[in-house]
Amino acid sequence: MKSWNELTQLEQSECLYSDMYKDCYGVRPRFDQSSWTVEDYDREFAALEQELRMQEADDKVREAEAIARFEETVSNSIEFGAGSRETAIRWILNGEQDVPYFEFCEGLPYGYIAKTVDIERLLAKEAA
């Protein structure tokens, strides 16, 4: 196996393209690139970069929407008797101990809930 510095510029471009394509589409490219030149890769890098920027912007919009939904649920829970943000979140989690997984399922940014309440204390109350 060659080190990075031992690869030709074309081989480095192939590797970078495969990684960037996977970042963009979730899979490695499965089409023939054997006739591509470094210039071909450079053009494709620009297109993939643009696609990744669009995806990132879309992700931020979806996260903001997820936060708004979550905060509305928290507010409604407080209104319906939770009494505090911590209790409302405990109700919403409904026994779920894997908070990062809950955040992922809800589309919330990683660590969002931990930024707003003391998760360890909240989960300890749930266990009690």
N, C-alpha and C. Protein backbone atom coordinates (compact mmCIF):
# COMPACT_ATOMS: atom_id res chain seq x y z
N MET A 1 0.85 -1.18 0.00
CA MET A 1 0.00 0.00 0.00
C MET A 1 0.89 1.25 0.00
N LYS A 2 0.55 2.19 -0.82
CA LYS A 2 1.32 3.42 -0.94
C LYS A 2 0.89 4.43 0.12
N SER A 3 1.84 5.24 0.53
CA SER A 3 1.49 6.36 1.40
C SER A 3 0.89 7.46 0.53
N TRP A 4 0.25 8.42 1.18
CA TRP A 4 -0.39 9.52 0.45
C TRP A 4 0.61 10.22 -0.46
N ASN A 5 1.79 10.47 0.03
CA ASN A 5 2.80 11.19 -0.74
C ASN A 5 3.32 10.39 -1.92
N GLU A 6 3.16 9.08 -1.88
CA GLU A 6 3.61 8.24 -2.99
C GLU A 6 2.58 8.16 -4.11
N LEU A 7 1.36 8.60 -3.84
CA LEU A 7 0.30 8.57 -4.86
C LEU A 7 0.52 9.69 -5.87
N THR A 8 0.13 9.44 -7.10
CA THR A 8 0.17 10.50 -8.10
C THR A 8 -0.95 11.49 -7.81
N GLN A 9 -0.91 12.62 -8.46
CA GLN A 9 -1.97 13.62 -8.28
C GLN A 9 -3.31 13.03 -8.71
N LEU A 10 -3.32 12.25 -9.77
CA LEU A 10 -4.55 11.62 -10.23
C LEU A 10 -5.07 10.62 -9.19
N GLU A 11 -4.19 9.83 -8.61
CA GLU A 11 -4.61 8.86 -7.59
C GLU A 11 -5.13 9.58 -6.34
N GLN A 12 -4.50 10.67 -5.97
CA GLN A 12 -4.98 11.46 -4.83
C GLN A 12 -6.37 12.03 -5.14
N SER A 13 -6.55 12.50 -6.36
CA SER A 13 -7.86 13.03 -6.76
C SER A 13 -8.93 11.95 -6.70
N GLU A 14 -8.59 10.74 -7.14
CA GLU A 14 -9.54 9.62 -7.08
C GLU A 14 -9.97 9.35 -5.64
N CYS A 15 -9.01 9.33 -4.74
CA CYS A 15 -9.30 9.08 -3.33
C CYS A 15 -10.17 10.19 -2.73
N LEU A 16 -9.78 11.42 -2.99
CA LEU A 16 -10.53 12.56 -2.46
C LEU A 16 -11.94 12.60 -3.02
N TYR A 17 -12.09 12.29 -4.30
CA TYR A 17 -13.40 12.30 -4.93
C TYR A 17 -14.29 11.23 -4.29
N SER A 18 -13.74 10.05 -4.09
CA SER A 18 -14.53 8.97 -3.49
C SER A 18 -15.02 9.37 -2.10
N ASP A 19 -14.15 9.97 -1.31
CA ASP A 19 -14.54 10.41 0.04
C ASP A 19 -15.59 11.52 -0.01
N MET A 20 -15.36 12.48 -0.88
CA MET A 20 -16.28 13.62 -0.98
C MET A 20 -17.65 13.17 -1.51
N TYR A 21 -17.64 12.28 -2.48
CA TYR A 21 -18.88 11.74 -3.03
C TYR A 21 -19.67 11.02 -1.93
N LYS A 22 -18.95 10.25 -1.11
CA LYS A 22 -19.60 9.53 -0.01
C LYS A 22 -20.18 10.51 1.00
N ASP A 23 -19.45 11.58 1.31
CA ASP A 23 -19.99 12.60 2.21
C ASP A 23 -21.28 13.19 1.67
N CYS A 24 -21.33 13.34 0.37
CA CYS A 24 -22.47 13.99 -0.28
C CYS A 24 -23.67 13.06 -0.42
N TYR A 25 -23.43 11.82 -0.84
CA TYR A 25 -24.52 10.92 -1.21
C TYR A 25 -24.65 9.68 -0.33
N GLY A 26 -23.71 9.49 0.60
CA GLY A 26 -23.81 8.38 1.53
C GLY A 26 -23.25 7.06 1.02
N VAL A 27 -22.83 7.00 -0.22
CA VAL A 27 -22.24 5.80 -0.82
C VAL A 27 -21.03 6.22 -1.65
N ARG A 28 -20.16 5.29 -1.89
CA ARG A 28 -19.03 5.56 -2.77
C ARG A 28 -19.52 5.53 -4.22
N PRO A 29 -18.86 6.27 -5.11
CA PRO A 29 -19.27 6.25 -6.52
C PRO A 29 -19.11 4.84 -7.09
N ARG A 30 -20.09 4.42 -7.86
CA ARG A 30 -20.08 3.07 -8.44
C ARG A 30 -20.10 3.12 -9.96
N PHE A 31 -19.48 4.11 -10.51
CA PHE A 31 -19.42 4.25 -11.95
C PHE A 31 -17.96 4.35 -12.38
N ASP A 32 -17.73 4.12 -13.64
CA ASP A 32 -16.36 4.07 -14.17
C ASP A 32 -15.78 5.47 -14.29
N GLN A 33 -14.67 5.70 -13.60
CA GLN A 33 -13.96 6.97 -13.66
C GLN A 33 -12.56 6.77 -14.25
N SER A 34 -12.33 5.62 -14.84
CA SER A 34 -10.98 5.27 -15.30
C SER A 34 -10.44 6.22 -16.37
N SER A 35 -11.32 6.90 -17.09
CA SER A 35 -10.85 7.82 -18.13
C SER A 35 -10.74 9.27 -17.64
N TRP A 36 -11.06 9.52 -16.36
CA TRP A 36 -11.05 10.87 -15.84
C TRP A 36 -9.62 11.38 -15.69
N THR A 37 -9.50 12.66 -15.88
CA THR A 37 -8.22 13.35 -15.66
C THR A 37 -8.31 14.15 -14.36
N VAL A 38 -7.20 14.72 -13.95
CA VAL A 38 -7.20 15.57 -12.76
C VAL A 38 -8.16 16.74 -12.97
N GLU A 39 -8.22 17.27 -14.17
CA GLU A 39 -9.12 18.39 -14.48
C GLU A 39 -10.58 17.94 -14.34
N ASP A 40 -10.89 16.72 -14.78
CA ASP A 40 -12.25 16.20 -14.61
C ASP A 40 -12.62 16.15 -13.13
N TYR A 41 -11.69 15.65 -12.33
CA TYR A 41 -11.94 15.59 -10.89
C TYR A 41 -12.13 16.98 -10.31
N ASP A 42 -11.32 17.93 -10.75
CA ASP A 42 -11.45 19.30 -10.24
C ASP A 42 -12.83 19.87 -10.52
N ARG A 43 -13.36 19.62 -11.72
CA ARG A 43 -14.71 20.08 -12.05
C ARG A 43 -15.75 19.41 -11.15
N GLU A 44 -15.58 18.12 -10.93
CA GLU A 44 -16.52 17.39 -10.08
C GLU A 44 -16.42 17.82 -8.62
N PHE A 45 -15.21 18.16 -8.17
CA PHE A 45 -15.06 18.66 -6.80
C PHE A 45 -15.90 19.92 -6.61
N ALA A 46 -15.88 20.79 -7.58
CA ALA A 46 -16.64 22.04 -7.49
C ALA A 46 -18.14 21.74 -7.40
N ALA A 47 -18.61 20.79 -8.19
CA ALA A 47 -20.03 20.43 -8.17
C ALA A 47 -20.41 19.78 -6.84
N LEU A 48 -19.56 18.90 -6.34
CA LEU A 48 -19.84 18.25 -5.05
C LEU A 48 -19.81 19.25 -3.91
N GLU A 49 -18.88 20.19 -3.98
CA GLU A 49 -18.80 21.22 -2.93
C GLU A 49 -20.09 22.04 -2.90
N GLN A 50 -20.59 22.38 -4.05
CA GLN A 50 -21.84 23.13 -4.12
C GLN A 50 -23.00 22.31 -3.55
N GLU A 51 -23.06 21.03 -3.89
CA GLU A 51 -24.11 20.16 -3.38
C GLU A 51 -24.01 20.03 -1.85
N LEU A 52 -22.81 19.87 -1.34
CA LEU A 52 -22.63 19.76 0.11
C LEU A 52 -23.06 21.04 0.82
N ARG A 53 -22.77 22.19 0.23
CA ARG A 53 -23.20 23.46 0.83
C ARG A 53 -24.72 23.57 0.86
N MET A 54 -25.36 23.13 -0.20
CA MET A 54 -26.83 23.15 -0.23
C MET A 54 -27.40 22.21 0.82
N GLN A 55 -26.80 21.03 0.95
CA GLN A 55 -27.26 20.07 1.96
C GLN A 55 -27.07 20.62 3.36
N GLU A 56 -25.96 21.28 3.59
CA GLU A 56 -25.69 21.87 4.90
C GLU A 56 -26.73 22.95 5.23
N ALA A 57 -27.07 23.78 4.26
CA ALA A 57 -28.09 24.81 4.47
C ALA A 57 -29.44 24.17 4.76
N ASP A 58 -29.79 23.13 4.01
CA ASP A 58 -31.05 22.41 4.24
C ASP A 58 -31.06 21.79 5.63
N ASP A 59 -29.93 21.23 6.05
CA ASP A 59 -29.84 20.62 7.39
C ASP A 59 -30.09 21.67 8.47
N LYS A 60 -29.55 22.86 8.30
CA LYS A 60 -29.75 23.91 9.29
C LYS A 60 -31.23 24.31 9.38
N VAL A 61 -31.90 24.36 8.25
CA VAL A 61 -33.32 24.69 8.24
C VAL A 61 -34.11 23.60 8.96
N ARG A 62 -33.81 22.34 8.64
CA ARG A 62 -34.51 21.22 9.28
C ARG A 62 -34.24 21.19 10.79
N GLU A 63 -33.00 21.48 11.20
CA GLU A 63 -32.71 21.52 12.63
C GLU A 63 -33.48 22.64 13.32
N ALA A 64 -33.56 23.79 12.69
CA ALA A 64 -34.31 24.91 13.28
C ALA A 64 -35.79 24.55 13.42
N GLU A 65 -36.33 23.88 12.42
CA GLU A 65 -37.73 23.43 12.49
C GLU A 65 -37.91 22.40 13.61
N ALA A 66 -36.95 21.48 13.75
CA ALA A 66 -37.03 20.47 14.80
C ALA A 66 -36.95 21.11 16.18
N ILE A 67 -36.09 22.11 16.32
CA ILE A 67 -35.98 22.82 17.59
C ILE A 67 -37.30 23.51 17.91
N ALA A 68 -37.89 24.15 16.92
CA ALA A 68 -39.17 24.84 17.15
C ALA A 68 -40.26 23.85 17.59
N ARG A 69 -40.32 22.69 16.93
CA ARG A 69 -41.31 21.66 17.31
C ARG A 69 -41.06 21.17 18.74
N PHE A 70 -39.78 20.92 19.04
CA PHE A 70 -39.44 20.42 20.37
C PHE A 70 -39.79 21.46 21.44
N GLU A 71 -39.43 22.71 21.20
CA GLU A 71 -39.72 23.77 22.17
C GLU A 71 -41.23 23.96 22.35
N GLU A 72 -41.99 23.80 21.28
CA GLU A 72 -43.45 23.88 21.40
C GLU A 72 -43.97 22.73 22.27
N THR A 73 -43.42 21.54 22.09
CA THR A 73 -43.81 20.40 22.90
C THR A 73 -43.46 20.63 24.36
N VAL A 74 -42.27 21.20 24.61
CA VAL A 74 -41.87 21.52 25.99
C VAL A 74 -42.85 22.52 26.59
N SER A 75 -43.16 23.57 25.86
CA SER A 75 -44.10 24.59 26.36
C SER A 75 -45.47 24.00 26.64
N ASN A 76 -45.95 23.18 25.72
CA ASN A 76 -47.25 22.53 25.93
C ASN A 76 -47.23 21.61 27.14
N SER A 77 -46.14 20.89 27.35
CA SER A 77 -46.03 19.99 28.50
C SER A 77 -46.04 20.79 29.80
N ILE A 78 -45.34 21.91 29.82
CA ILE A 78 -45.35 22.76 31.01
C ILE A 78 -46.77 23.27 31.25
N GLU A 79 -47.41 23.70 30.19
CA GLU A 79 -48.79 24.21 30.30
C GLU A 79 -49.75 23.13 30.80
N PHE A 80 -49.51 21.89 30.41
CA PHE A 80 -50.40 20.80 30.79
C PHE A 80 -50.05 20.16 32.13
N GLY A 81 -49.09 20.77 32.84
CA GLY A 81 -48.86 20.31 34.21
C GLY A 81 -47.46 19.90 34.57
N ALA A 82 -46.53 19.92 33.65
CA ALA A 82 -45.16 19.52 34.00
C ALA A 82 -44.56 20.46 35.03
N GLY A 83 -44.88 21.72 34.95
CA GLY A 83 -44.42 22.67 35.95
C GLY A 83 -43.04 23.25 35.70
N SER A 84 -42.15 22.50 35.09
CA SER A 84 -40.81 23.01 34.83
C SER A 84 -40.30 22.42 33.51
N ARG A 85 -39.28 23.07 32.98
CA ARG A 85 -38.67 22.58 31.74
C ARG A 85 -38.09 21.18 31.95
N GLU A 86 -37.42 20.99 33.07
CA GLU A 86 -36.80 19.69 33.35
C GLU A 86 -37.84 18.58 33.38
N THR A 87 -38.95 18.80 34.07
CA THR A 87 -40.00 17.78 34.14
C THR A 87 -40.62 17.57 32.76
N ALA A 88 -40.82 18.64 32.03
CA ALA A 88 -41.39 18.52 30.69
C ALA A 88 -40.50 17.65 29.80
N ILE A 89 -39.20 17.89 29.85
CA ILE A 89 -38.29 17.10 29.03
C ILE A 89 -38.27 15.65 29.50
N ARG A 90 -38.33 15.44 30.80
CA ARG A 90 -38.39 14.06 31.31
C ARG A 90 -39.64 13.36 30.78
N TRP A 91 -40.75 14.07 30.76
CA TRP A 91 -41.98 13.49 30.21
C TRP A 91 -41.82 13.19 28.72
N ILE A 92 -41.24 14.11 28.01
CA ILE A 92 -41.07 13.95 26.56
C ILE A 92 -40.15 12.76 26.26
N LEU A 93 -39.08 12.64 27.03
CA LEU A 93 -38.16 11.51 26.83
C LEU A 93 -38.84 10.18 27.16
N ASN A 94 -39.79 10.21 28.07
CA ASN A 94 -40.60 9.03 28.38
C ASN A 94 -39.76 7.78 28.62
N GLY A 95 -38.73 7.93 29.44
CA GLY A 95 -37.90 6.79 29.79
C GLY A 95 -36.72 6.54 28.87
N GLU A 96 -36.63 7.26 27.79
CA GLU A 96 -35.49 7.08 26.87
C GLU A 96 -34.22 7.53 27.56
N GLN A 97 -33.26 6.63 27.70
CA GLN A 97 -32.00 6.94 28.37
C GLN A 97 -30.93 7.43 27.38
N ASP A 98 -31.09 7.10 26.13
CA ASP A 98 -30.11 7.48 25.11
C ASP A 98 -30.55 8.81 24.48
N VAL A 99 -30.20 9.88 25.15
CA VAL A 99 -30.63 11.21 24.72
C VAL A 99 -30.10 11.57 23.33
N PRO A 100 -28.83 11.29 23.01
CA PRO A 100 -28.36 11.59 21.65
C PRO A 100 -29.18 10.85 20.58
N TYR A 101 -29.59 9.62 20.87
CA TYR A 101 -30.41 8.88 19.91
C TYR A 101 -31.78 9.56 19.76
N PHE A 102 -32.36 9.99 20.88
CA PHE A 102 -33.63 10.72 20.83
C PHE A 102 -33.48 11.98 19.98
N GLU A 103 -32.40 12.71 20.21
CA GLU A 103 -32.17 13.93 19.43
C GLU A 103 -32.06 13.61 17.94
N PHE A 104 -31.33 12.55 17.62
CA PHE A 104 -31.19 12.14 16.22
C PHE A 104 -32.56 11.82 15.62
N CYS A 105 -33.35 11.05 16.32
CA CYS A 105 -34.68 10.67 15.80
C CYS A 105 -35.59 11.88 15.61
N GLU A 106 -35.42 12.88 16.46
CA GLU A 106 -36.26 14.07 16.39
C GLU A 106 -35.70 15.14 15.46
N GLY A 107 -34.48 14.92 14.94
CA GLY A 107 -33.86 15.89 14.05
C GLY A 107 -33.21 17.05 14.77
N LEU A 108 -33.03 16.90 16.07
CA LEU A 108 -32.40 17.97 16.86
C LEU A 108 -30.88 17.90 16.71
N PRO A 109 -30.22 19.03 16.84
CA PRO A 109 -28.76 19.00 16.81
C PRO A 109 -28.22 18.19 18.00
N TYR A 110 -27.11 17.51 17.77
CA TYR A 110 -26.49 16.73 18.84
C TYR A 110 -26.17 17.63 20.02
N GLY A 111 -26.58 17.21 21.21
CA GLY A 111 -26.28 17.95 22.43
C GLY A 111 -27.26 19.06 22.75
N TYR A 112 -28.31 19.22 21.95
CA TYR A 112 -29.24 20.33 22.16
C TYR A 112 -29.91 20.25 23.54
N ILE A 113 -30.40 19.09 23.90
CA ILE A 113 -31.12 18.96 25.18
C ILE A 113 -30.18 19.19 26.34
N ALA A 114 -28.96 18.67 26.25
CA ALA A 114 -27.98 18.85 27.32
C ALA A 114 -27.61 20.31 27.52
N LYS A 115 -27.78 21.12 26.50
CA LYS A 115 -27.48 22.55 26.63
C LYS A 115 -28.57 23.27 27.40
N THR A 116 -29.75 22.64 27.52
CA THR A 116 -30.87 23.34 28.14
C THR A 116 -31.24 22.80 29.52
N VAL A 117 -30.82 21.58 29.85
CA VAL A 117 -31.09 21.00 31.17
C VAL A 117 -29.91 20.13 31.58
N ASP A 118 -29.85 19.82 32.87
CA ASP A 118 -28.83 18.91 33.39
C ASP A 118 -29.31 17.48 33.13
N ILE A 119 -28.79 16.89 32.07
CA ILE A 119 -29.25 15.56 31.64
C ILE A 119 -29.02 14.51 32.72
N GLU A 120 -27.85 14.52 33.34
CA GLU A 120 -27.56 13.49 34.34
C GLU A 120 -28.55 13.55 35.49
N ARG A 121 -28.86 14.75 35.95
CA ARG A 121 -29.84 14.89 37.03
C ARG A 121 -31.22 14.46 36.57
N LEU A 122 -31.57 14.84 35.34
CA LEU A 122 -32.86 14.47 34.79
C LEU A 122 -33.01 12.96 34.69
N LEU A 123 -31.99 12.28 34.17
CA LEU A 123 -32.04 10.83 34.03
C LEU A 123 -32.02 10.13 35.37
N ALA A 124 -31.31 10.73 36.35
CA ALA A 124 -31.29 10.15 37.69
C ALA A 124 -32.70 10.20 38.32
N LYS A 125 -33.41 11.28 38.10
CA LYS A 125 -34.79 11.39 38.60
C LYS A 125 -35.68 10.35 37.93
N GLU A 126 -35.44 10.13 36.63
CA GLU A 126 -36.22 9.15 35.88
C GLU A 126 -36.00 7.75 36.44
N ALA A 127 -34.75 7.45 36.83
CA ALA A 127 -34.41 6.12 37.33
C ALA A 127 -34.98 5.90 38.74
N ALA A 128 -35.16 6.98 39.47
CA ALA A 128 -35.62 6.87 40.86
C ALA A 128 -37.08 6.50 40.97
